[in-house]
N, C-alpha and C. Protein backbone atom coordinates (compact mmCIF):
# COMPACT_ATOMS: atom_id res chain seq x y z
N UNK A 1 43.25 74.49 -56.51
CA UNK A 1 42.72 74.70 -57.76
C UNK A 1 40.97 74.40 -57.61
N UNK A 2 40.28 75.32 -57.96
CA UNK A 2 38.73 75.09 -57.97
C UNK A 2 38.54 74.43 -59.42
N UNK A 3 38.29 73.08 -59.26
CA UNK A 3 38.06 72.53 -60.59
C UNK A 3 36.91 72.79 -61.37
N UNK A 4 36.03 73.23 -60.51
CA UNK A 4 34.62 73.71 -61.14
C UNK A 4 34.88 75.07 -62.02
N UNK A 5 35.62 75.82 -61.26
CA UNK A 5 35.91 77.09 -62.12
C UNK A 5 36.71 76.86 -63.30
N UNK A 6 37.78 75.96 -63.04
CA UNK A 6 38.59 75.60 -64.30
C UNK A 6 37.94 74.99 -65.38
N UNK A 7 36.84 74.23 -65.12
CA UNK A 7 36.17 73.72 -66.23
C UNK A 7 35.31 74.79 -66.86
N UNK A 8 34.66 75.56 -66.05
CA UNK A 8 33.75 76.67 -66.62
C UNK A 8 34.47 77.71 -67.38
N UNK A 9 35.74 78.19 -66.90
CA UNK A 9 36.52 79.21 -67.78
C UNK A 9 37.11 78.43 -68.82
N UNK A 10 37.38 77.30 -68.74
CA UNK A 10 38.18 76.55 -69.84
C UNK A 10 37.08 76.41 -71.14
N UNK A 11 35.86 76.39 -70.61
CA UNK A 11 34.88 76.24 -71.83
C UNK A 11 34.81 77.60 -72.63
N UNK A 12 34.88 78.78 -71.89
CA UNK A 12 34.72 80.07 -72.64
C UNK A 12 36.10 80.74 -73.10
N UNK A 13 37.28 80.26 -72.29
CA UNK A 13 38.27 81.02 -72.63
C UNK A 13 39.48 80.00 -72.91
N UNK A 14 39.32 79.74 -74.14
CA UNK A 14 40.44 78.61 -74.68
C UNK A 14 40.70 79.01 -76.19
N UNK A 15 41.91 78.72 -76.48
CA UNK A 15 42.30 79.11 -77.82
C UNK A 15 41.11 78.66 -79.00
N UNK A 16 40.53 77.73 -78.84
CA UNK A 16 39.46 77.25 -79.75
C UNK A 16 38.43 78.36 -79.84
N UNK A 17 38.30 78.98 -78.70
CA UNK A 17 36.71 79.68 -78.42
C UNK A 17 37.08 81.23 -78.64
N UNK A 18 38.38 81.77 -78.55
CA UNK A 18 38.52 83.12 -78.58
C UNK A 18 40.20 83.38 -79.07
N UNK A 19 40.19 84.53 -79.66
CA UNK A 19 41.53 85.07 -79.91
C UNK A 19 41.52 86.38 -79.47
N UNK A 20 41.57 86.69 -78.41
CA UNK A 20 41.54 88.02 -77.67
C UNK A 20 42.40 89.00 -78.17
N UNK A 21 43.56 88.66 -78.72
CA UNK A 21 44.48 89.54 -79.23
C UNK A 21 44.05 90.05 -80.58
N UNK A 22 43.06 89.31 -81.11
CA UNK A 22 42.72 89.84 -82.72
C UNK A 22 41.43 90.63 -82.58
N UNK A 23 40.71 90.61 -81.61
CA UNK A 23 39.68 91.55 -81.46
C UNK A 23 39.08 91.65 -80.02
N UNK A 24 38.37 92.74 -79.89
CA UNK A 24 37.69 92.96 -78.52
C UNK A 24 38.60 93.79 -77.68
N UNK A 25 38.17 94.11 -76.56
CA UNK A 25 38.82 95.00 -75.50
C UNK A 25 40.10 94.40 -74.97
N UNK A 26 40.45 93.14 -75.28
CA UNK A 26 41.83 92.69 -74.78
C UNK A 26 42.71 92.55 -76.19
N UNK A 27 42.28 93.14 -77.16
CA UNK A 27 43.07 93.03 -78.43
C UNK A 27 44.13 94.10 -78.26
N UNK A 28 45.10 93.98 -79.40
CA UNK A 28 46.06 94.99 -79.42
C UNK A 28 45.75 96.21 -79.68
N UNK A 29 44.56 96.37 -80.59
CA UNK A 29 44.01 97.72 -80.91
C UNK A 29 43.23 98.32 -79.59
N UNK A 30 42.53 97.32 -78.97
CA UNK A 30 41.53 97.67 -77.86
C UNK A 30 42.37 98.10 -76.56
N UNK A 31 43.74 97.81 -76.69
CA UNK A 31 44.58 98.13 -75.33
C UNK A 31 45.58 99.30 -75.73
N UNK A 32 45.32 99.92 -76.92
CA UNK A 32 46.17 101.04 -77.28
C UNK A 32 46.24 102.18 -76.35
N UNK A 33 45.17 102.42 -75.56
CA UNK A 33 45.47 103.64 -74.51
C UNK A 33 45.86 103.00 -73.19
N UNK A 34 45.73 101.79 -73.12
CA UNK A 34 46.06 101.04 -71.82
C UNK A 34 47.44 100.90 -71.62
N UNK A 35 48.23 100.44 -72.68
CA UNK A 35 49.64 99.96 -72.64
C UNK A 35 50.51 101.19 -72.26
N UNK A 36 50.36 102.38 -72.83
CA UNK A 36 51.47 103.33 -72.22
C UNK A 36 51.19 103.73 -70.90
N UNK A 37 49.76 103.64 -70.55
CA UNK A 37 49.66 104.09 -69.01
C UNK A 37 50.31 102.95 -67.96
N UNK A 38 50.38 101.68 -68.37
CA UNK A 38 50.80 100.62 -67.79
C UNK A 38 52.46 100.71 -67.63
N UNK A 39 52.90 101.09 -68.78
CA UNK A 39 54.32 101.36 -68.79
C UNK A 39 54.77 102.42 -68.01
N UNK A 40 54.00 103.58 -67.87
CA UNK A 40 54.44 104.74 -67.03
C UNK A 40 54.13 104.30 -65.63
N UNK A 41 53.21 103.53 -65.27
CA UNK A 41 53.01 103.03 -63.92
C UNK A 41 54.21 102.13 -63.30
N UNK A 42 54.64 101.43 -64.27
CA UNK A 42 55.90 100.46 -63.89
C UNK A 42 57.10 101.24 -63.69
N UNK A 43 57.37 102.56 -64.50
CA UNK A 43 58.23 103.28 -64.17
C UNK A 43 58.11 104.10 -62.84
N UNK A 44 56.88 104.66 -62.86
CA UNK A 44 56.69 105.50 -61.69
C UNK A 44 56.93 104.75 -60.21
N UNK A 45 56.58 103.56 -60.26
CA UNK A 45 56.50 102.71 -59.04
C UNK A 45 57.73 101.75 -58.88
N UNK A 46 58.67 101.82 -60.08
CA UNK A 46 59.69 101.02 -59.92
C UNK A 46 59.43 99.52 -60.07
N UNK A 47 58.35 99.21 -60.86
CA UNK A 47 57.88 97.72 -60.85
C UNK A 47 58.94 96.95 -61.76
N UNK A 48 59.59 96.05 -61.33
CA UNK A 48 60.37 95.21 -61.92
C UNK A 48 59.91 93.77 -62.35
N UNK A 49 58.75 93.21 -61.64
CA UNK A 49 58.25 92.14 -61.84
C UNK A 49 56.73 92.14 -61.74
N UNK A 50 55.94 91.29 -62.46
CA UNK A 50 54.58 91.28 -62.39
C UNK A 50 54.04 89.75 -62.62
N UNK A 51 53.09 89.54 -62.00
CA UNK A 51 52.25 88.28 -62.18
C UNK A 51 51.02 88.76 -62.81
N UNK A 52 50.70 88.25 -63.97
CA UNK A 52 49.44 88.53 -64.75
C UNK A 52 48.45 87.44 -64.66
N UNK A 53 47.60 87.78 -63.63
CA UNK A 53 46.54 86.54 -63.36
C UNK A 53 45.43 86.80 -64.33
N UNK A 54 45.09 85.44 -64.91
CA UNK A 54 44.17 85.52 -66.10
C UNK A 54 44.72 86.23 -67.25
N UNK A 55 45.87 85.84 -67.71
CA UNK A 55 46.67 86.23 -68.73
C UNK A 55 46.20 86.02 -70.03
N UNK A 56 45.12 85.09 -70.12
CA UNK A 56 44.54 84.81 -71.39
C UNK A 56 45.53 84.39 -72.52
N UNK A 57 45.60 85.02 -73.58
CA UNK A 57 46.54 84.68 -74.65
C UNK A 57 47.88 85.38 -74.74
N UNK A 58 48.06 86.44 -73.71
CA UNK A 58 49.29 87.19 -73.68
C UNK A 58 49.59 88.08 -74.84
N UNK A 59 48.84 88.16 -75.88
CA UNK A 59 48.92 88.80 -76.98
C UNK A 59 49.51 90.32 -76.93
N UNK A 60 48.58 90.95 -76.42
CA UNK A 60 48.94 92.57 -76.32
C UNK A 60 49.99 92.72 -75.22
N UNK A 61 50.06 91.85 -74.09
CA UNK A 61 50.96 92.22 -73.08
C UNK A 61 52.33 91.83 -73.60
N UNK A 62 52.68 91.21 -74.78
CA UNK A 62 54.00 90.97 -75.27
C UNK A 62 54.34 92.33 -75.66
N UNK A 63 53.51 93.37 -76.08
CA UNK A 63 53.96 94.56 -76.44
C UNK A 63 54.51 95.51 -75.05
N UNK A 64 53.81 95.19 -74.05
CA UNK A 64 54.20 95.97 -72.78
C UNK A 64 55.45 95.32 -72.19
N UNK A 65 55.78 94.05 -72.16
CA UNK A 65 56.89 93.61 -71.63
C UNK A 65 58.05 93.76 -72.56
N UNK A 66 57.83 93.65 -73.73
CA UNK A 66 58.99 93.89 -74.66
C UNK A 66 59.67 95.36 -74.48
N UNK A 67 58.76 96.33 -74.36
CA UNK A 67 59.12 97.65 -74.24
C UNK A 67 59.81 98.04 -72.80
N UNK A 68 59.15 97.37 -71.80
CA UNK A 68 59.66 97.64 -70.49
C UNK A 68 60.74 96.73 -69.84
N UNK A 69 60.82 95.61 -70.26
CA UNK A 69 61.86 94.48 -69.91
C UNK A 69 61.48 94.24 -68.42
N UNK A 70 60.24 94.20 -68.06
CA UNK A 70 59.81 93.85 -66.56
C UNK A 70 59.76 92.14 -66.67
N UNK A 71 60.15 91.82 -65.35
CA UNK A 71 60.08 90.24 -65.41
C UNK A 71 58.53 89.84 -65.36
N UNK A 72 58.24 89.12 -66.30
CA UNK A 72 56.87 88.73 -66.65
C UNK A 72 56.60 87.38 -66.10
N UNK A 73 55.43 87.11 -65.40
CA UNK A 73 54.89 85.85 -65.00
C UNK A 73 53.30 85.86 -65.13
N UNK A 74 52.73 84.85 -65.81
CA UNK A 74 51.47 84.73 -66.29
C UNK A 74 50.85 83.47 -65.79
N UNK A 75 49.54 83.60 -65.43
CA UNK A 75 48.73 82.45 -65.04
C UNK A 75 47.36 82.63 -65.67
N UNK A 76 46.91 81.40 -66.16
CA UNK A 76 45.43 81.36 -66.37
C UNK A 76 44.92 79.96 -65.96
N UNK A 77 43.75 79.93 -65.72
CA UNK A 77 43.08 78.79 -65.36
C UNK A 77 42.71 77.57 -66.28
N UNK A 78 42.69 78.21 -67.50
CA UNK A 78 42.64 77.36 -68.68
C UNK A 78 43.74 76.45 -69.13
N UNK A 79 43.67 75.18 -69.03
CA UNK A 79 44.81 74.25 -69.47
C UNK A 79 45.26 74.56 -70.85
N UNK A 80 44.32 74.55 -71.73
CA UNK A 80 44.33 74.66 -73.12
C UNK A 80 44.99 76.13 -73.38
N UNK A 81 44.57 77.07 -72.77
CA UNK A 81 45.14 78.43 -73.15
C UNK A 81 46.47 78.44 -72.64
N UNK A 82 46.91 77.86 -71.69
CA UNK A 82 48.44 77.88 -71.21
C UNK A 82 49.42 77.09 -71.94
N UNK A 83 48.69 75.98 -72.54
CA UNK A 83 49.51 75.16 -73.51
C UNK A 83 49.67 75.87 -74.71
N UNK A 84 48.70 76.65 -75.27
CA UNK A 84 48.82 77.60 -76.50
C UNK A 84 49.87 78.60 -76.17
N UNK A 85 49.78 79.30 -75.00
CA UNK A 85 50.63 80.19 -74.63
C UNK A 85 52.32 79.79 -74.78
N UNK A 86 52.44 78.70 -74.23
CA UNK A 86 53.59 78.01 -74.08
C UNK A 86 54.16 77.79 -75.58
N UNK A 87 53.47 77.39 -76.28
CA UNK A 87 53.57 77.05 -77.70
C UNK A 87 54.10 78.48 -78.58
N UNK A 88 53.15 79.51 -78.39
CA UNK A 88 53.41 80.63 -79.11
C UNK A 88 54.51 81.77 -78.51
N UNK A 89 54.53 81.61 -77.09
CA UNK A 89 55.52 82.44 -76.27
C UNK A 89 56.35 81.56 -75.50
N UNK A 90 57.30 80.70 -76.04
CA UNK A 90 58.18 79.84 -75.15
C UNK A 90 58.96 80.54 -74.10
N UNK A 91 59.19 81.84 -74.33
CA UNK A 91 60.21 82.47 -73.52
C UNK A 91 59.43 83.05 -72.12
N UNK A 92 57.88 83.08 -72.43
CA UNK A 92 57.16 83.49 -71.06
C UNK A 92 57.14 82.52 -70.04
N UNK A 93 56.94 82.93 -68.67
CA UNK A 93 56.91 82.07 -67.74
C UNK A 93 55.28 81.93 -67.49
N UNK A 94 54.56 81.18 -67.91
CA UNK A 94 53.18 80.97 -67.86
C UNK A 94 52.81 79.67 -67.32
N UNK A 95 51.96 79.71 -66.26
CA UNK A 95 51.55 78.52 -65.43
C UNK A 95 49.79 78.39 -65.43
N UNK A 96 49.53 77.29 -65.22
CA UNK A 96 48.07 77.02 -64.88
C UNK A 96 47.81 77.52 -63.52
N UNK A 97 46.98 78.42 -63.25
CA UNK A 97 46.75 79.12 -62.12
C UNK A 97 45.40 79.60 -61.71
N UNK A 98 44.78 79.39 -60.56
CA UNK A 98 43.60 79.74 -60.21
C UNK A 98 43.69 80.90 -59.15
N UNK A 99 43.33 82.00 -59.45
CA UNK A 99 43.68 83.33 -58.52
C UNK A 99 42.94 83.24 -57.37
N UNK A 100 41.94 82.35 -57.09
CA UNK A 100 41.27 82.29 -55.72
C UNK A 100 41.63 81.33 -54.98
N UNK A 101 42.62 80.53 -55.41
CA UNK A 101 43.21 79.36 -54.48
C UNK A 101 44.64 79.22 -54.51
N UNK A 102 45.41 79.44 -55.63
CA UNK A 102 46.79 79.21 -55.81
C UNK A 102 47.72 80.32 -55.46
N UNK A 103 48.65 80.08 -54.67
CA UNK A 103 49.54 81.11 -54.17
C UNK A 103 50.03 81.92 -55.56
N UNK A 104 50.22 83.17 -55.24
CA UNK A 104 50.83 83.98 -56.37
C UNK A 104 52.47 83.98 -56.01
N UNK A 105 53.09 84.25 -57.11
CA UNK A 105 54.55 84.22 -57.02
C UNK A 105 54.99 85.42 -56.26
N UNK A 106 56.30 85.50 -55.92
CA UNK A 106 56.83 86.68 -55.31
C UNK A 106 57.25 87.87 -56.41
N UNK A 107 56.39 88.86 -56.58
CA UNK A 107 56.48 89.80 -57.59
C UNK A 107 56.27 91.16 -57.14
N UNK A 108 56.51 92.43 -57.81
CA UNK A 108 56.15 93.63 -57.47
C UNK A 108 54.72 94.23 -57.51
N UNK A 109 53.90 93.39 -58.51
CA UNK A 109 52.66 93.86 -59.03
C UNK A 109 51.84 92.64 -59.25
N UNK A 110 50.65 92.71 -58.90
CA UNK A 110 49.63 91.62 -59.19
C UNK A 110 48.79 92.26 -60.31
N UNK A 111 48.65 91.83 -61.53
CA UNK A 111 47.75 92.38 -62.41
C UNK A 111 46.69 91.34 -62.76
N UNK A 112 45.50 91.90 -62.61
CA UNK A 112 44.15 91.27 -62.44
C UNK A 112 43.33 92.02 -63.57
N UNK A 113 43.45 91.51 -64.84
CA UNK A 113 42.61 92.22 -65.78
C UNK A 113 41.30 91.35 -66.26
N UNK A 114 40.23 91.74 -66.06
CA UNK A 114 38.91 91.06 -66.38
C UNK A 114 38.91 89.68 -65.84
N UNK A 115 39.41 89.64 -64.63
CA UNK A 115 39.14 88.28 -64.05
C UNK A 115 37.86 88.45 -62.78
N UNK A 116 38.08 89.41 -62.03
CA UNK A 116 37.06 89.46 -61.03
C UNK A 116 35.69 89.74 -61.26
N UNK A 117 35.43 90.43 -62.50
CA UNK A 117 34.19 90.61 -63.05
C UNK A 117 33.44 89.42 -63.19
N UNK A 118 34.33 88.28 -63.55
CA UNK A 118 33.72 87.11 -63.90
C UNK A 118 33.45 86.09 -62.71
N UNK A 119 33.73 86.70 -61.57
CA UNK A 119 33.58 85.73 -60.23
C UNK A 119 32.50 86.39 -59.34
N UNK A 120 31.85 85.40 -58.59
CA UNK A 120 30.86 85.71 -57.76
C UNK A 120 31.58 86.38 -56.48
N UNK A 121 30.62 86.93 -55.63
CA UNK A 121 31.23 87.65 -54.50
C UNK A 121 32.37 86.81 -53.61
N UNK A 122 31.70 85.62 -53.38
CA UNK A 122 32.65 84.81 -52.50
C UNK A 122 34.07 84.46 -53.27
N UNK A 123 34.13 84.22 -54.45
CA UNK A 123 35.39 84.04 -55.01
C UNK A 123 35.96 85.34 -55.25
N UNK A 124 35.57 86.20 -55.42
CA UNK A 124 36.18 87.71 -55.45
C UNK A 124 36.87 87.84 -54.04
N UNK A 125 36.24 87.53 -52.73
CA UNK A 125 36.92 87.61 -51.64
C UNK A 125 38.08 86.83 -51.40
N UNK A 126 37.80 85.49 -51.96
CA UNK A 126 38.95 84.55 -52.00
C UNK A 126 40.21 85.21 -52.77
N UNK A 127 40.01 85.75 -54.00
CA UNK A 127 41.01 86.51 -54.70
C UNK A 127 41.67 87.57 -54.07
N UNK A 128 40.94 88.40 -53.21
CA UNK A 128 41.66 89.56 -52.48
C UNK A 128 42.46 88.92 -51.33
N UNK A 129 41.86 87.98 -50.58
CA UNK A 129 42.36 87.39 -49.47
C UNK A 129 43.81 86.68 -49.82
N UNK A 130 43.74 85.99 -51.07
CA UNK A 130 44.82 85.44 -51.74
C UNK A 130 45.85 86.52 -51.97
N UNK A 131 45.51 87.62 -52.41
CA UNK A 131 46.37 88.73 -52.67
C UNK A 131 47.07 89.39 -51.62
N UNK A 132 46.23 89.36 -50.47
CA UNK A 132 46.81 89.96 -49.30
C UNK A 132 47.82 89.01 -48.57
N UNK A 133 47.46 87.68 -48.60
CA UNK A 133 48.29 86.72 -48.07
C UNK A 133 49.71 86.73 -48.80
N UNK A 134 49.70 86.96 -50.16
CA UNK A 134 51.01 86.99 -50.94
C UNK A 134 51.89 87.94 -50.48
N UNK A 135 51.46 89.07 -49.99
CA UNK A 135 52.50 90.04 -49.71
C UNK A 135 52.96 90.99 -50.92
N UNK A 136 52.31 90.95 -51.92
CA UNK A 136 52.62 91.62 -53.22
C UNK A 136 52.12 93.11 -52.96
N UNK A 137 53.01 94.07 -53.01
CA UNK A 137 52.77 95.39 -52.68
C UNK A 137 51.68 96.08 -53.34
N UNK A 138 51.47 95.74 -54.70
CA UNK A 138 50.67 96.42 -55.67
C UNK A 138 49.81 95.55 -56.37
N UNK A 139 48.44 96.02 -56.43
CA UNK A 139 47.59 95.41 -57.40
C UNK A 139 46.87 96.28 -58.38
N UNK A 140 46.88 95.82 -59.58
CA UNK A 140 46.25 96.67 -60.67
C UNK A 140 45.06 95.75 -61.14
N UNK A 141 43.83 96.14 -60.96
CA UNK A 141 42.69 95.40 -61.18
C UNK A 141 41.62 96.15 -61.91
N UNK A 142 40.93 95.57 -62.85
CA UNK A 142 39.95 96.28 -63.48
C UNK A 142 38.56 95.89 -62.89
N UNK A 143 37.67 96.96 -63.20
CA UNK A 143 36.29 96.69 -62.71
C UNK A 143 35.43 97.21 -64.02
N UNK A 144 34.01 97.08 -63.69
CA UNK A 144 33.19 97.34 -64.79
C UNK A 144 32.56 98.65 -64.39
N UNK A 145 32.74 99.65 -65.07
CA UNK A 145 32.32 100.97 -65.05
C UNK A 145 30.85 101.02 -65.20
N UNK A 146 30.15 100.02 -65.59
CA UNK A 146 28.76 100.04 -65.98
C UNK A 146 27.99 99.89 -64.34
N UNK A 147 28.64 99.21 -63.57
CA UNK A 147 28.25 98.82 -62.21
C UNK A 147 28.47 100.15 -61.15
N UNK A 148 27.22 100.62 -60.67
CA UNK A 148 27.32 101.76 -59.71
C UNK A 148 27.91 101.08 -58.52
N UNK A 149 28.49 101.95 -57.65
CA UNK A 149 28.86 101.45 -56.30
C UNK A 149 27.62 101.13 -55.45
N UNK A 150 27.64 100.00 -54.72
CA UNK A 150 26.67 99.70 -53.99
C UNK A 150 25.61 98.81 -54.68
N UNK A 151 25.82 98.63 -55.93
CA UNK A 151 24.78 97.77 -56.92
C UNK A 151 25.58 96.52 -57.57
N UNK A 152 26.35 96.12 -56.98
CA UNK A 152 27.11 95.00 -57.58
C UNK A 152 26.51 93.64 -57.01
N UNK A 153 25.44 93.18 -57.76
CA UNK A 153 24.72 92.06 -57.53
C UNK A 153 25.49 90.76 -57.62
N UNK A 154 25.33 89.88 -56.45
CA UNK A 154 25.96 88.49 -56.61
C UNK A 154 25.33 87.72 -57.57
N UNK A 155 25.91 86.65 -58.05
CA UNK A 155 25.56 85.75 -58.85
C UNK A 155 25.92 84.28 -58.58
N UNK A 156 25.40 83.37 -59.18
CA UNK A 156 25.79 81.88 -59.06
C UNK A 156 26.39 81.44 -60.37
N UNK A 157 27.40 80.73 -60.48
CA UNK A 157 27.85 80.12 -61.72
C UNK A 157 26.96 78.93 -62.20
């Protein structure tokens, strides 16, 4: 666990700071077009289990899981967020997890939504190396459409 990243992201992504299911791109309405595509992807590739890295509050993901019956595992770097998820969704397998350092569970698909865009290039490499080492056959990861290929500037936290 990178404790610096944990402190940093716990500041911005905690139940007290955000309710992503209620508004924004990670809201139930904001994922309206995404959810059926994920469900179709699960069917097409026979996905039976996923690890949702950076699961945040799991709000909209509950709709995907309920309709597909995929074995769901989630992880978030924020201690407070994981505690809140466990309280609101006691049936979900959710753990404190750092995608750059902690091993991923044995699943069919690694789902990494809006995590890598917050990482510098060194930590992005660690995330990808961690995924490769895991042996998980599929990764579903978001990117920022605003960034042109070859123009992804590195940054410091």
